[in-house]
PDB file of N, CA and C in Angstrom:
ATOM      1  N   MET A   1      -6.718  15.047  -3.929  1.00  0.00           N
ATOM      2  CA  MET A   1      -8.153  15.070  -4.130  1.00  0.00           C
ATOM      3  C   MET A   1      -8.731  16.131  -3.188  1.00  0.00           C
ATOM      4  N   PRO A   2      -9.758  16.844  -3.606  1.00  0.00           N
ATOM      5  CA  PRO A   2     -10.353  17.843  -2.733  1.00  0.00           C
ATOM      6  C   PRO A   2     -10.887  17.228  -1.433  1.00  0.00           C
ATOM      7  N   ARG A   3     -10.884  18.018  -0.404  1.00  0.00           N
ATOM      8  CA  ARG A   3     -11.364  17.553   0.902  1.00  0.00           C
ATOM      9  C   ARG A   3     -12.807  17.050   0.810  1.00  0.00           C
ATOM     10  N   GLU A   4     -13.629  17.752   0.023  1.00  0.00           N
ATOM     11  CA  GLU A   4     -15.041  17.388  -0.114  1.00  0.00           C
ATOM     12  C   GLU A   4     -15.233  16.008  -0.733  1.00  0.00           C
ATOM     13  N   LYS A   5     -14.245  15.545  -1.491  1.00  0.00           N
ATOM     14  CA  LYS A   5     -14.334  14.234  -2.141  1.00  0.00           C
ATOM     15  C   LYS A   5     -13.552  13.162  -1.393  1.00  0.00           C
ATOM     16  N   GLY A   6     -13.158  13.462  -0.155  1.00  0.00           N
ATOM     17  CA  GLY A   6     -12.475  12.464   0.658  1.00  0.00           C
ATOM     18  C   GLY A   6     -10.967  12.584   0.680  1.00  0.00           C
ATOM     19  N   GLY A   7     -10.409  13.612   0.048  1.00  0.00           N
ATOM     20  CA  GLY A   7      -8.959  13.806   0.070  1.00  0.00           C
ATOM     21  C   GLY A   7      -8.484  14.210   1.457  1.00  0.00           C
ATOM     22  N   VAL A   8      -7.249  13.876   1.787  1.00  0.00           N
ATOM     23  CA  VAL A   8      -6.717  14.197   3.114  1.00  0.00           C
ATOM     24  C   VAL A   8      -5.581  15.197   3.082  1.00  0.00           C
ATOM     25  N   VAL A   9      -5.072  15.520   1.866  1.00  0.00           N
ATOM     26  CA  VAL A   9      -3.990  16.499   1.759  1.00  0.00           C
ATOM     27  C   VAL A   9      -4.342  17.552   0.709  1.00  0.00           C
ATOM     28  N   ASP A  10      -3.745  18.740   0.868  1.00  0.00           N
ATOM     29  CA  ASP A  10      -3.951  19.798  -0.114  1.00  0.00           C
ATOM     30  C   ASP A  10      -2.914  19.684  -1.228  1.00  0.00           C
ATOM     31  N   ASP A  11      -2.848  20.691  -2.086  1.00  0.00           N
ATOM     32  CA  ASP A  11      -1.943  20.633  -3.228  1.00  0.00           C
ATOM     33  C   ASP A  11      -0.470  20.730  -2.851  1.00  0.00           C
ATOM     34  N   ARG A  12      -0.169  21.059  -1.599  1.00  0.00           N
ATOM     35  CA  ARG A  12       1.216  21.096  -1.114  1.00  0.00           C
ATOM     36  C   ARG A  12       1.506  19.911  -0.189  1.00  0.00           C
ATOM     37  N   LEU A  13       0.655  18.889  -0.257  1.00  0.00           N
ATOM     38  CA  LEU A  13       0.786  17.633   0.493  1.00  0.00           C
ATOM     39  C   LEU A  13       0.673  17.815   2.011  1.00  0.00           C
ATOM     40  N   GLN A  14       0.063  18.921   2.439  1.00  0.00           N
ATOM     41  CA  GLN A  14      -0.172  19.172   3.858  1.00  0.00           C
ATOM     42  C   GLN A  14      -1.527  18.572   4.235  1.00  0.00           C
ATOM     43  N   VAL A  15      -1.586  17.895   5.372  1.00  0.00           N
ATOM     44  CA  VAL A  15      -2.841  17.304   5.837  1.00  0.00           C
ATOM     45  C   VAL A  15      -3.822  18.438   6.136  1.00  0.00           C
ATOM     46  N   TRP A  16      -5.063  18.286   5.611  1.00  0.00           N
ATOM     47  CA  TRP A  16      -6.087  19.307   5.832  1.00  0.00           C
ATOM     48  C   TRP A  16      -6.245  19.592   7.325  1.00  0.00           C
ATOM     49  N   GLY A  17      -6.299  20.871   7.694  1.00  0.00           N
ATOM     50  CA  GLY A  17      -6.550  21.272   9.078  1.00  0.00           C
ATOM     51  C   GLY A  17      -5.326  21.243   9.974  1.00  0.00           C
ATOM     52  N   THR A  18      -4.136  21.024   9.418  1.00  0.00           N
ATOM     53  CA  THR A  18      -2.915  21.017  10.229  1.00  0.00           C
ATOM     54  C   THR A  18      -1.893  21.979   9.632  1.00  0.00           C
ATOM     55  N   LYS A  19      -0.854  22.247  10.395  1.00  0.00           N
ATOM     56  CA  LYS A  19       0.267  23.041   9.903  1.00  0.00           C
ATOM     57  C   LYS A  19       1.528  22.215  10.062  1.00  0.00           C
ATOM     58  N   GLY A  20       2.327  22.165   9.005  1.00  0.00           N
ATOM     59  CA  GLY A  20       3.612  21.486   9.097  1.00  0.00           C
ATOM     60  C   GLY A  20       3.545  19.972   9.147  1.00  0.00           C
ATOM     61  N   LEU A  21       2.484  19.382   8.585  1.00  0.00           N
ATOM     62  CA  LEU A  21       2.368  17.927   8.589  1.00  0.00           C
ATOM     63  C   LEU A  21       2.139  17.417   7.163  1.00  0.00           C
ATOM     64  N   PRO A  22       3.215  17.302   6.388  1.00  0.00           N
ATOM     65  CA  PRO A  22       3.055  16.761   5.039  1.00  0.00           C
ATOM     66  C   PRO A  22       2.988  15.238   5.068  1.00  0.00           C
ATOM     67  N   VAL A  23       2.279  14.672   4.098  1.00  0.00           N
ATOM     68  CA  VAL A  23       2.215  13.223   3.941  1.00  0.00           C
ATOM     69  C   VAL A  23       2.807  12.896   2.582  1.00  0.00           C
ATOM     70  N   VAL A  24       3.789  12.012   2.593  1.00  0.00           N
ATOM     71  CA  VAL A  24       4.484  11.659   1.353  1.00  0.00           C
ATOM     72  C   VAL A  24       4.530  10.137   1.245  1.00  0.00           C
ATOM     73  N   ASP A  25       3.472   9.564   0.698  1.00  0.00           N
ATOM     74  CA  ASP A  25       3.445   8.130   0.423  1.00  0.00           C
ATOM     75  C   ASP A  25       2.359   7.865  -0.616  1.00  0.00           C
ATOM     76  N   ALA A  26       2.140   6.630  -0.945  1.00  0.00           N
ATOM     77  CA  ALA A  26       1.196   6.280  -2.003  1.00  0.00           C
ATOM     78  C   ALA A  26      -0.245   6.622  -1.655  1.00  0.00           C
ATOM     79  N   SER A  27      -0.541   6.857  -0.392  1.00  0.00           N
ATOM     80  CA  SER A  27      -1.929   7.147  -0.011  1.00  0.00           C
ATOM     81  C   SER A  27      -2.423   8.482  -0.552  1.00  0.00           C
ATOM     82  N   VAL A  28      -1.543   9.376  -0.977  1.00  0.00           N
ATOM     83  CA  VAL A  28      -1.972  10.668  -1.503  1.00  0.00           C
ATOM     84  C   VAL A  28      -2.330  10.607  -2.984  1.00  0.00           C
ATOM     85  N   ILE A  29      -2.068   9.496  -3.643  1.00  0.00           N
ATOM     86  CA  ILE A  29      -2.395   9.342  -5.054  1.00  0.00           C
ATOM     87  C   ILE A  29      -3.889   9.003  -5.145  1.00  0.00           C
ATOM     88  N   PRO A  30      -4.696   9.862  -5.808  1.00  0.00           N
ATOM     89  CA  PRO A  30      -6.147   9.672  -5.781  1.00  0.00           C
ATOM     90  C   PRO A  30      -6.663   8.471  -6.574  1.00  0.00           C
ATOM     91  N   VAL A  31      -5.900   7.977  -7.537  1.00  0.00           N
ATOM     92  CA  VAL A  31      -6.316   6.807  -8.317  1.00  0.00           C
ATOM     93  C   VAL A  31      -5.149   5.829  -8.391  1.00  0.00           C
ATOM     94  N   ILE A  32      -5.459   4.566  -8.565  1.00  0.00           N
ATOM     95  CA  ILE A  32      -4.413   3.552  -8.661  1.00  0.00           C
ATOM     96  C   ILE A  32      -3.750   3.660 -10.029  1.00  0.00           C
ATOM     97  N   PRO A  33      -2.434   3.866 -10.067  1.00  0.00           N
ATOM     98  CA  PRO A  33      -1.758   3.977 -11.361  1.00  0.00           C
ATOM     99  C   PRO A  33      -1.827   2.657 -12.131  1.00  0.00           C
ATOM    100  N   THR A  34      -1.920   2.753 -13.454  1.00  0.00           N
ATOM    101  CA  THR A  34      -1.975   1.538 -14.266  1.00  0.00           C
ATOM    102  C   THR A  34      -0.593   0.920 -14.432  1.00  0.00           C
ATOM    103  N   GLY A  35       0.427   1.705 -14.251  1.00  0.00           N
ATOM    104  CA  GLY A  35       1.791   1.198 -14.402  1.00  0.00           C
ATOM    105  C   GLY A  35       2.402   0.842 -13.063  1.00  0.00           C
ATOM    106  N   ASN A  36       3.683   1.012 -12.976  1.00  0.00           N
ATOM    107  CA  ASN A  36       4.442   0.696 -11.779  1.00  0.00           C
ATOM    108  C   ASN A  36       4.124   1.696 -10.659  1.00  0.00           C
ATOM    109  N   THR A  37       3.633   1.207  -9.542  1.00  0.00           N
ATOM    110  CA  THR A  37       3.297   2.066  -8.407  1.00  0.00           C
ATOM    111  C   THR A  37       4.537   2.771  -7.857  1.00  0.00           C
ATOM    112  N   GLN A  38       5.656   2.088  -7.864  1.00  0.00           N
ATOM    113  CA  GLN A  38       6.893   2.662  -7.334  1.00  0.00           C
ATOM    114  C   GLN A  38       7.271   3.940  -8.079  1.00  0.00           C
ATOM    115  N   SER A  39       7.078   3.972  -9.378  1.00  0.00           N
ATOM    116  CA  SER A  39       7.391   5.159 -10.162  1.00  0.00           C
ATOM    117  C   SER A  39       6.523   6.339  -9.735  1.00  0.00           C
ATOM    118  N   ALA A  40       5.246   6.092  -9.505  1.00  0.00           N
ATOM    119  CA  ALA A  40       4.340   7.159  -9.068  1.00  0.00           C
ATOM    120  C   ALA A  40       4.750   7.689  -7.694  1.00  0.00           C
ATOM    121  N   VAL A  41       5.163   6.811  -6.811  1.00  0.00           N
ATOM    122  CA  VAL A  41       5.601   7.232  -5.479  1.00  0.00           C
ATOM    123  C   VAL A  41       6.880   8.063  -5.583  1.00  0.00           C
ATOM    124  N   TYR A  42       7.787   7.704  -6.478  1.00  0.00           N
ATOM    125  CA  TYR A  42       9.001   8.498  -6.687  1.00  0.00           C
ATOM    126  C   TYR A  42       8.654   9.916  -7.141  1.00  0.00           C
ATOM    127  N   VAL A  43       7.680  10.036  -8.035  1.00  0.00           N
ATOM    128  CA  VAL A  43       7.274  11.358  -8.516  1.00  0.00           C
ATOM    129  C   VAL A  43       6.715  12.193  -7.369  1.00  0.00           C
ATOM    130  N   VAL A  44       5.851  11.594  -6.551  1.00  0.00           N
ATOM    131  CA  VAL A  44       5.285  12.299  -5.400  1.00  0.00           C
ATOM    132  C   VAL A  44       6.401  12.702  -4.437  1.00  0.00           C
ATOM    133  N   ALA A  45       7.340  11.817  -4.197  1.00  0.00           N
ATOM    134  CA  ALA A  45       8.439  12.108  -3.264  1.00  0.00           C
ATOM    135  C   ALA A  45       9.329  13.243  -3.772  1.00  0.00           C
ATOM    136  N   GLU A  46       9.619  13.262  -5.075  1.00  0.00           N
ATOM    137  CA  GLU A  46      10.427  14.343  -5.644  1.00  0.00           C
ATOM    138  C   GLU A  46       9.706  15.681  -5.520  1.00  0.00           C
ATOM    139  N   ARG A  47       8.409  15.675  -5.798  1.00  0.00           N
ATOM    140  CA  ARG A  47       7.630  16.915  -5.664  1.00  0.00           C
ATOM    141  C   ARG A  47       7.574  17.355  -4.211  1.00  0.00           C
ATOM    142  N   ALA A  48       7.393  16.424  -3.303  1.00  0.00           N
ATOM    143  CA  ALA A  48       7.351  16.746  -1.876  1.00  0.00           C
ATOM    144  C   ALA A  48       8.675  17.350  -1.421  1.00  0.00           C
ATOM    145  N   ALA A  49       9.787  16.808  -1.906  1.00  0.00           N
ATOM    146  CA  ALA A  49      11.099  17.353  -1.542  1.00  0.00           C
ATOM    147  C   ALA A  49      11.211  18.802  -1.993  1.00  0.00           C
ATOM    148  N   ASP A  50      10.731  19.094  -3.201  1.00  0.00           N
ATOM    149  CA  ASP A  50      10.752  20.474  -3.696  1.00  0.00           C
ATOM    150  C   ASP A  50       9.890  21.390  -2.834  1.00  0.00           C
ATOM    151  N   LEU A  51       8.698  20.924  -2.470  1.00  0.00           N
ATOM    152  CA  LEU A  51       7.797  21.724  -1.642  1.00  0.00           C
ATOM    153  C   LEU A  51       8.387  21.979  -0.257  1.00  0.00           C
ATOM    154  N   ILE A  52       8.994  20.967   0.330  1.00  0.00           N
ATOM    155  CA  ILE A  52       9.598  21.115   1.659  1.00  0.00           C
ATOM    156  C   ILE A  52      10.759  22.096   1.604  1.00  0.00           C
ATOM    157  N   LYS A  53      11.584  22.016   0.555  1.00  0.00           N
ATOM    158  CA  LYS A  53      12.694  22.966   0.399  1.00  0.00           C
ATOM    159  C   LYS A  53      12.160  24.404   0.255  1.00  0.00           C
ATOM    160  N   GLU A  54      11.101  24.582  -0.531  1.00  0.00           N
ATOM    161  CA  GLU A  54      10.500  25.913  -0.679  1.00  0.00           C
ATOM    162  C   GLU A  54      10.033  26.446   0.669  1.00  0.00           C
ATOM    163  N   ASP A  55       9.365  25.604   1.446  1.00  0.00           N
ATOM    164  CA  ASP A  55       8.869  26.026   2.749  1.00  0.00           C
ATOM    165  C   ASP A  55      10.001  26.394   3.690  1.00  0.00           C
ATOM    166  N   LEU A  56      11.098  25.663   3.640  1.00  0.00           N
ATOM    167  CA  LEU A  56      12.232  25.963   4.506  1.00  0.00           C
ATOM    168  C   LEU A  56      12.912  27.270   4.121  1.00  0.00           C
ATOM    169  N   LEU A  57      12.942  27.577   2.839  1.00  0.00           N
ATOM    170  CA  LEU A  57      13.554  28.823   2.383  1.00  0.00           C
ATOM    171  C   LEU A  57      12.704  30.035   2.723  1.00  0.00           C
ATOM    172  N   LYS A  58      11.408  29.858   2.915  1.00  0.00           N
ATOM    173  CA  LYS A  58      10.514  30.956   3.281  1.00  0.00           C
ATOM    174  C   LYS A  58      10.724  31.408   4.714  1.00  0.00           C
ATOM    175  N   THR A  59      11.188  30.511   5.571  1.00  0.00           N
ATOM    176  CA  THR A  59      11.339  30.839   6.989  1.00  0.00           C
ATOM    177  C   THR A  59      12.656  31.480   7.302  1.00  0.00           C
TER     178      THR A  59
END
């Protein structure tokens, strides 16, 4: 969610105003999923793993 609307992470799951501090848990999901919450958390975790790998390859 955008910072202006109360979001705490950007599109790469980095906490606004910090460097190197990703958050990977259900708190980054802006709305409550209608289905299984665990599935949504798995999707976020898989995406976060990809983002972290990309960041490590850049350095």
